[in-house]
Protein backbone atom coordinates (compact mmCIF):
# COMPACT_ATOMS: atom_id res chain seq x y z
CA MET A 1 131.21 160.58 10.27
CA THR A 2 128.23 160.90 12.52
CA SER A 3 128.29 162.41 15.98
CA GLN A 4 126.66 160.70 18.93
CA PRO A 5 124.67 162.80 21.38
CA LEU A 6 126.21 163.00 24.83
CA THR A 7 124.06 161.76 27.65
CA ALA A 8 124.58 162.69 31.26
CA ASP A 9 124.73 160.02 33.89
CA LEU A 10 121.85 160.98 36.18
CA THR A 11 122.21 157.93 38.38
CA ARG A 12 122.39 158.90 42.04
CA HIS A 13 125.32 157.17 43.67
CA ALA A 14 125.49 156.66 47.41
CA PRO A 15 128.53 158.42 48.95
CA PRO A 16 131.14 156.45 50.90
CA ALA A 17 130.28 155.76 54.53
CA GLY A 18 126.72 156.94 53.95
CA GLY A 19 127.83 160.57 53.60
CA PHE A 20 129.85 160.72 56.82
CA ASN A 21 132.67 163.23 56.41
CA LEU A 22 134.96 165.27 58.65
CA THR A 23 133.94 168.60 57.14
CA LEU A 24 130.34 168.16 58.21
CA LEU A 25 131.48 166.93 61.63
CA ARG A 26 133.67 170.02 62.08
CA LEU A 27 130.81 172.35 61.11
CA GLU A 28 128.46 170.62 63.55
CA ILE A 29 130.98 170.98 66.38
CA ARG A 30 131.52 174.67 65.66
CA ARG A 31 127.78 175.29 65.58
CA LEU A 32 127.27 173.48 68.88
CA LEU A 33 130.04 175.35 70.68
CA ARG A 34 128.54 178.68 69.60
CA ASN A 35 125.60 177.93 71.89
CA ARG A 36 127.23 179.53 74.93
CA ARG A 37 124.24 179.01 77.22
CA THR A 38 124.30 175.24 76.73
CA VAL A 39 128.09 175.04 77.05
CA LEU A 40 128.17 177.08 80.25
CA PHE A 41 125.23 175.24 81.80
CA THR A 42 126.74 171.80 81.20
CA MET A 43 130.11 172.91 82.56
CA VAL A 44 129.10 175.09 85.52
CA LEU A 45 126.41 172.88 87.08
CA PRO A 46 128.56 169.75 87.73
CA VAL A 47 131.48 171.92 88.90
CA PHE A 48 129.18 173.69 91.36
CA PHE A 49 127.94 170.35 92.71
CA PHE A 50 131.52 169.13 93.10
CA LEU A 51 132.52 172.23 95.04
CA LEU A 52 129.44 171.77 97.22
CA PHE A 53 129.73 168.04 97.94
CA GLY A 54 133.23 166.98 96.90
CA LEU A 55 135.03 169.39 99.22
CA ASN A 56 132.95 168.78 102.33
CA SER A 57 135.49 168.50 105.15
CA ALA A 58 133.24 166.08 107.05
CA TYR A 59 134.11 163.22 104.67
CA ALA A 60 136.14 164.47 101.67
CA ASN A 61 139.48 163.22 103.04
CA ASP A 62 138.17 159.84 104.21
CA ARG A 63 140.14 157.04 102.60
CA ASN A 64 138.55 154.55 100.26
CA PRO A 65 138.49 151.19 102.11
CA SER A 66 138.83 149.15 98.89
CA GLY A 67 141.35 151.28 96.99
CA PRO A 68 143.99 154.04 97.20
CA GLY A 69 141.66 157.02 96.59
CA ASN A 70 139.51 159.11 98.90
CA VAL A 71 135.85 160.12 99.04
CA SER A 72 136.49 163.41 97.26
CA ALA A 73 137.86 161.51 94.26
CA PHE A 74 134.80 159.25 94.30
CA VAL A 75 132.45 162.26 94.32
CA MET A 76 134.45 163.95 91.55
CA ILE A 77 134.01 160.92 89.29
CA ASN A 78 130.30 160.82 90.14
CA LEU A 79 129.77 164.43 89.13
CA ALA A 80 132.02 164.18 86.08
CA LEU A 81 129.79 161.33 84.90
CA TYR A 82 126.64 163.32 85.59
CA GLY A 83 128.08 166.37 83.83
CA ALA A 84 129.18 164.37 80.77
CA VAL A 85 125.80 162.65 80.57
CA LEU A 86 123.98 165.98 80.90
CA ALA A 87 126.20 167.55 78.24
CA THR A 88 125.93 164.76 75.66
CA THR A 89 122.18 164.54 76.18
CA SER A 90 121.87 168.31 75.68
CA GLY A 91 124.02 168.17 72.57
CA GLY A 92 121.97 165.38 71.08
CA ALA A 93 118.65 166.97 71.96
CA MET A 94 119.52 170.07 69.93
CA VAL A 95 118.14 168.23 66.89
CA ALA A 96 114.74 169.28 68.25
CA ILE A 97 115.60 172.84 67.20
CA GLU A 98 116.59 171.61 63.73
CA ARG A 99 113.24 169.88 63.42
CA SER A 100 111.38 173.06 64.29
CA VAL A 101 113.04 174.99 61.43
CA GLY A 102 112.64 172.17 58.92
CA TRP A 103 116.32 171.23 58.67
CA SER A 104 115.64 167.52 59.23
CA ARG A 105 113.30 167.47 56.24
CA GLN A 106 115.89 169.15 54.06
CA LEU A 107 118.27 166.32 54.83
CA ARG A 108 115.93 163.99 53.00
CA ILE A 109 117.09 165.36 49.63
CA THR A 110 120.76 164.79 50.48
CA PRO A 111 122.60 161.44 50.20
CA LEU A 112 123.35 161.49 53.94
CA SER A 113 122.20 158.20 55.45
CA PRO A 114 120.38 158.07 58.81
CA THR A 115 123.20 156.05 60.36
CA ALA A 116 125.87 158.54 59.23
CA TYR A 117 123.79 161.48 60.44
CA ILE A 118 123.27 159.90 63.86
CA ALA A 119 127.00 159.10 64.10
CA ILE A 120 127.94 162.73 63.31
CA LYS A 121 125.48 164.06 65.88
CA MET A 122 126.69 161.66 68.56
CA LEU A 123 130.34 162.57 68.00
CA THR A 124 129.41 166.25 68.15
CA ALA A 125 127.65 165.73 71.47
CA MET A 126 130.73 163.88 72.74
CA VAL A 127 132.78 167.08 72.31
CA LEU A 128 130.40 168.87 74.67
CA GLY A 129 130.63 165.94 77.08
CA LEU A 130 134.42 166.18 77.02
CA SER A 131 134.21 169.88 77.92
CA SER A 132 132.05 169.17 80.97
CA LEU A 133 134.21 166.26 82.09
CA THR A 134 137.39 168.32 81.71
CA ALA A 135 135.93 171.19 83.73
CA VAL A 136 135.15 168.92 86.70
CA PHE A 137 138.55 167.18 86.63
CA VAL A 138 140.48 170.44 86.23
CA VAL A 139 138.67 172.04 89.19
CA GLY A 140 139.24 168.86 91.19
CA GLY A 141 142.95 168.99 90.40
CA ILE A 142 143.19 172.68 91.33
CA THR A 143 141.56 172.11 94.73
CA GLY A 144 143.89 169.21 95.45
CA LYS A 145 141.20 167.37 97.41
CA PRO A 146 140.65 164.29 95.19
CA GLN A 147 143.47 161.85 95.91
CA MET A 148 144.23 158.95 93.56
CA PRO A 149 147.15 157.83 91.35
CA VAL A 150 147.65 159.56 88.01
CA TRP A 151 146.70 156.46 86.03
CA MET A 152 143.33 156.42 87.81
CA TRP A 153 142.68 160.02 86.81
CA ILE A 154 143.31 159.07 83.20
CA THR A 155 141.37 155.80 83.10
CA SER A 156 138.42 157.22 85.05
CA ALA A 157 138.18 160.25 82.75
CA LEU A 158 138.39 158.03 79.66
CA ALA A 159 135.71 155.69 81.03
CA VAL A 160 133.39 158.62 81.78
CA TRP A 161 133.86 160.14 78.33
CA LEU A 162 133.40 156.94 76.35
CA GLY A 163 130.46 155.92 78.52
CA SER A 164 128.67 159.20 77.86
CA LEU A 165 128.24 158.04 74.25
CA VAL A 166 125.18 156.15 75.49
CA PHE A 167 123.49 159.42 76.39
CA ALA A 168 124.51 161.17 73.20
CA ALA A 169 122.28 158.58 71.53
CA PHE A 170 119.64 159.09 74.20
CA GLY A 171 119.57 162.84 73.54
CA LEU A 172 119.14 162.27 69.81
CA PHE A 173 116.33 159.80 70.37
CA MET A 174 114.48 162.15 72.68
CA GLY A 175 115.18 165.15 70.44
CA TYR A 176 113.26 163.47 67.65
CA LEU A 177 110.60 162.07 69.94
CA LEU A 178 109.62 165.02 72.17
CA PRO A 179 108.16 168.45 71.37
CA THR A 180 110.75 171.16 70.75
CA GLU A 181 109.47 173.67 73.29
CA ASN A 182 110.06 171.53 76.39
CA VAL A 183 112.52 168.82 75.41
CA MET A 184 115.33 169.90 77.78
CA GLN A 185 112.99 170.43 80.73
CA ILE A 186 111.78 166.87 80.36
CA LEU A 187 115.26 165.44 79.79
CA SER A 188 116.77 167.24 82.78
CA PHE A 189 114.15 165.67 85.02
CA VAL A 190 114.61 162.24 83.45
CA LEU A 191 118.39 162.40 83.91
CA VAL A 192 118.00 163.20 87.61
CA ILE A 193 115.77 160.12 87.96
CA PHE A 194 118.32 158.01 86.07
CA ALA A 195 121.12 159.34 88.30
CA PHE A 196 119.30 158.44 91.51
CA ALA A 197 118.26 155.05 90.12
CA GLY A 198 121.78 154.25 88.92
CA GLY A 199 123.48 155.14 92.20
CA VAL A 200 125.21 158.30 90.95
CA PHE A 201 123.86 160.60 93.67
CA ILE A 202 123.17 158.08 96.45
CA PRO A 203 124.97 154.71 96.82
CA LEU A 204 122.66 151.85 95.91
CA GLN A 205 123.51 150.11 99.17
CA GLN A 206 121.33 152.68 100.95
CA TYR A 207 118.24 151.68 98.95
CA PRO A 208 115.87 148.80 99.79
CA HIS A 209 116.83 145.49 98.21
CA VAL A 210 114.02 145.54 95.66
CA VAL A 211 115.15 148.96 94.44
CA GLN A 212 118.72 147.70 94.10
CA GLU A 213 117.48 144.87 91.90
CA ILE A 214 115.51 147.21 89.64
CA ALA A 215 118.43 149.66 89.44
CA GLN A 216 120.56 147.09 87.63
CA TYR A 217 118.40 147.52 84.54
CA THR A 218 118.45 151.33 84.41
CA PRO A 219 120.59 153.20 81.82
CA LEU A 220 123.12 154.73 84.24
CA TYR A 221 123.74 151.66 86.38
CA GLY A 222 126.35 149.99 84.17
CA LEU A 223 128.18 153.22 83.43
CA ASN A 224 128.28 154.25 87.08
CA GLN A 225 129.85 150.93 88.03
CA LEU A 226 132.35 150.97 85.16
CA VAL A 227 133.68 154.49 85.75
CA HIS A 228 134.37 153.73 89.42
CA ALA A 229 136.05 150.37 88.75
CA PRO A 230 139.59 151.88 88.46
CA LEU A 231 139.24 153.81 91.74
CA LEU A 232 137.81 150.82 93.59
CA GLU A 233 140.29 148.46 91.91
CA THR A 234 137.54 146.07 90.91
CA THR A 235 137.32 143.99 87.75
CA PRO A 236 134.48 145.22 85.52
CA HIS A 237 131.61 142.75 85.48
CA LEU A 238 130.18 141.53 82.20
CA ALA A 239 126.72 142.63 83.39
CA TRP A 240 127.91 146.25 83.65
CA VAL A 241 129.29 146.21 80.12
CA ALA A 242 126.15 144.49 78.81
CA ASN A 243 123.95 147.12 80.48
CA ALA A 244 125.80 149.97 78.72
CA ILE A 245 125.90 148.23 75.33
CA VAL A 246 122.23 147.24 75.39
CA TRP A 247 121.07 150.76 76.26
CA LEU A 248 123.38 152.22 73.61
CA GLY A 249 121.81 149.90 71.04
CA ILE A 250 118.29 150.79 72.14
CA PHE A 251 118.91 154.53 71.99
CA CYS A 252 120.74 154.36 68.63
CA ALA A 253 117.98 152.25 67.10
CA GLY A 254 115.37 154.66 68.45
CA ALA A 255 117.23 157.70 67.07
CA ILE A 256 117.56 156.14 63.60
CA TRP A 257 113.90 155.10 63.62
CA ARG A 258 112.71 158.57 64.57
CA PHE A 259 115.05 160.24 62.08
CA ARG A 260 113.66 158.13 59.24
CA LYS A 261 110.11 158.76 60.36
CA ASP A 262 110.70 162.50 60.65
CA THR A 263 112.43 162.92 57.28
CA ALA A 264 109.86 160.74 55.53
CA ARG A 265 107.25 163.51 55.89
CA VAL A 266 108.62 165.59 53.04
């Protein structure tokens, strides 16, 4: 009777879902929430703006001519959107720190796929976006100024949160594209430009016609229209949805491209 030597199977098998797992997602969320400066900044700034502009007695109680809400509710949704976008962008852009310490290169030796990694990072950023959104809506509810039916509070909050996914991808893309030392300074400025261009801070009707036409192709235009649709009781236009989906696709593709390019230099 002869014995056969045992041979180990050294074949590298790809994990299910490209390596996406809830344990890694939970660890990423815990690590993000430990960054108190980022969490406080993304929660305090939009709340401060709401208290400054959303409670202004000169117009806060004015009724919405095309729906049951008032101006204060409209402003609250505006600033909840800005806060969620700022938060998800900040959360995504934290990959710039990982790049600086070589963590992105280490991921090259793991079976984690670029798509799974981007998905985990985007979901992590969405948790930060939810925190900012919740802070604005809770403060709005405490003040009692924003007036709209309960179902509008729920649908508007859900629209803001889901829509901020676009900027979670944007933050990742920019985090891999820009230098680590000034990524958030650049992104904060870019987001302000996007907010003005998309009608978040100033209604587009107050801009010249040519600017209104250009604004329809900017990243925040579709989201801004969609999150206000419940309050204004308007049917969402296909162009608004297409705007959000196209920009989400562009930012996701850019993030995956830059991730692959960054981890390839090992």
